[in-house]
Amino acid sequence: MALRIKRIYQPAAKTDGMRVLVDRLWPRGISKARAKIDLWQKEAAPSAALRRWFGHKPERWSEFRRRYRAELAHNPAAKELRKLVKGNSATLLYGAHDEEHNQAVVLAAWLRRGM
């Protein structure tokens, strides 16, 4: 299995495999046609309250990761996503500017641990 992450604004590639958007909100400035996603798994994204609290502030990263992993442990959509990507090539897509501090980083690590 190859599980990658990348910004949705980067061009789609054949090596992406299944393209899964993991943001709760649709990213600004990109059409659904240009995004070329196979699945929008918004329910696997952090809760609205956690997303607002984090606000993409790097100083909150450690606590965000802890809280989001706690949410994932009880999230049926995340568990379903794990089944879908297991043994397949997939790319988790996100809209955040920060490539190191975003939910796709946490979700990808969580998915890998369960496989």
Protein backbone atom coordinates (compact mmCIF):
# COMPACT_ATOMS: atom_id res chain seq x y z
CA MET A 1 0.00 0.00 0.00
CA ALA A 2 1.17 3.47 -0.83
CA LEU A 3 -0.49 6.21 1.19
CA ARG A 4 0.49 9.76 0.34
CA ILE A 5 -0.68 13.22 1.29
CA LYS A 6 -0.70 16.35 -0.83
CA ARG A 7 -2.37 19.70 -1.19
CA ILE A 8 -5.48 19.60 -3.33
CA TYR A 9 -4.09 22.54 -5.33
CA GLN A 10 -1.27 20.37 -6.71
CA PRO A 11 -2.05 18.67 -10.03
CA ALA A 12 -3.45 15.15 -9.98
CA ALA A 13 -0.97 12.43 -10.94
CA LYS A 14 -1.42 8.85 -12.09
CA THR A 15 0.61 7.75 -9.05
CA ASP A 16 -2.00 9.28 -6.69
CA GLY A 17 -4.22 6.22 -6.81
CA MET A 18 -7.53 6.89 -5.09
CA ARG A 19 -7.76 10.64 -4.34
CA VAL A 20 -9.57 11.33 -1.07
CA LEU A 21 -10.32 14.84 0.18
CA VAL A 22 -10.13 14.82 3.99
CA ASP A 23 -11.22 18.40 4.74
CA ARG A 24 -14.56 19.10 6.40
CA LEU A 25 -15.02 22.20 4.19
CA TRP A 26 -14.48 22.38 0.44
CA PRO A 27 -11.15 24.16 -0.27
CA ARG A 28 -11.44 27.67 -1.68
CA GLY A 29 -10.63 28.43 -5.26
CA ILE A 30 -10.70 24.92 -6.72
CA SER A 31 -13.49 23.44 -8.78
CA LYS A 32 -14.69 19.91 -8.25
CA ALA A 33 -13.63 19.09 -11.81
CA ARG A 34 -10.09 20.37 -11.26
CA ALA A 35 -9.80 18.59 -7.88
CA LYS A 36 -10.31 15.20 -9.52
CA ILE A 37 -11.26 13.48 -6.29
CA ASP A 38 -12.65 9.98 -6.00
CA LEU A 39 -14.09 10.49 -2.53
CA TRP A 40 -14.78 13.38 -0.16
CA GLN A 41 -14.50 11.84 3.29
CA LYS A 42 -15.37 14.99 5.26
CA GLU A 43 -16.66 13.01 8.22
CA ALA A 44 -13.12 11.68 8.79
CA ALA A 45 -11.87 15.25 9.22
CA PRO A 46 -11.53 16.85 12.65
CA SER A 47 -14.76 18.02 14.24
CA ALA A 48 -15.78 21.60 13.51
CA ALA A 49 -15.01 22.56 17.12
CA LEU A 50 -11.51 21.05 16.99
CA ARG A 51 -10.81 22.59 13.59
CA ARG A 52 -11.79 26.05 14.87
CA TRP A 53 -9.77 25.63 18.08
CA PHE A 54 -6.62 24.56 16.20
CA GLY A 55 -6.83 27.39 13.66
CA HIS A 56 -3.64 26.02 12.00
CA LYS A 57 -1.53 27.48 14.82
CA PRO A 58 1.71 25.46 15.00
CA GLU A 59 1.99 26.07 18.76
CA ARG A 60 -1.22 24.03 19.18
CA TRP A 61 0.00 21.15 16.98
CA SER A 62 0.85 18.68 19.75
CA GLU A 63 -2.50 19.10 21.48
CA PHE A 64 -4.35 19.07 18.15
CA ARG A 65 -2.76 15.74 17.24
CA ARG A 66 -3.74 14.25 20.60
CA ARG A 67 -7.34 15.48 20.35
CA TYR A 68 -7.76 14.47 16.72
CA ARG A 69 -6.42 10.94 17.36
CA ALA A 70 -8.94 10.65 20.19
CA GLU A 71 -11.70 11.61 17.73
CA LEU A 72 -10.43 9.14 15.13
CA ALA A 73 -10.60 6.26 17.61
CA HIS A 74 -14.41 6.62 17.64
CA ASN A 75 -14.97 7.81 14.08
CA PRO A 76 -16.85 5.37 11.79
CA ALA A 77 -15.90 7.34 8.65
CA ALA A 78 -12.19 7.10 9.50
CA LYS A 79 -12.53 3.37 10.11
CA GLU A 80 -14.29 2.99 6.76
CA LEU A 81 -11.52 4.99 5.08
CA ARG A 82 -8.97 2.60 6.59
CA LYS A 83 -10.77 -0.32 4.90
CA LEU A 84 -10.93 1.52 1.57
CA VAL A 85 -7.24 2.38 1.39
CA LYS A 86 -5.89 -0.86 2.85
CA GLY A 87 -3.77 -2.56 0.19
CA ASN A 88 -4.38 0.22 -2.33
CA SER A 89 -2.57 3.31 -3.50
CA ALA A 90 -4.28 6.40 -2.14
CA THR A 91 -3.58 10.09 -1.64
CA LEU A 92 -5.16 12.10 1.15
CA LEU A 93 -5.86 15.62 -0.08
CA TYR A 94 -6.05 18.73 2.11
CA GLY A 95 -6.37 22.45 1.50
CA ALA A 96 -4.21 23.92 4.28
CA HIS A 97 -1.13 25.99 3.41
CA ASP A 98 1.00 24.36 6.10
CA GLU A 99 2.28 21.03 4.80
CA GLU A 100 3.52 19.85 8.20
CA HIS A 101 0.68 20.91 10.51
CA ASN A 102 -2.61 19.70 9.05
CA GLN A 103 -5.13 16.95 9.65
CA ALA A 104 -3.99 14.83 6.69
CA VAL A 105 -0.61 14.30 8.40
CA VAL A 106 -2.33 12.99 11.54
CA LEU A 107 -4.90 10.95 9.62
CA ALA A 108 -2.26 9.31 7.39
CA ALA A 109 -0.20 8.28 10.44
CA TRP A 110 -3.36 6.91 12.12
CA LEU A 111 -4.31 4.94 9.00
CA ARG A 112 -0.82 3.49 8.63
CA ARG A 113 -0.76 2.36 12.27
CA GLY A 114 -3.93 0.37 11.80
CA MET A 115 -2.76 -1.56 8.76
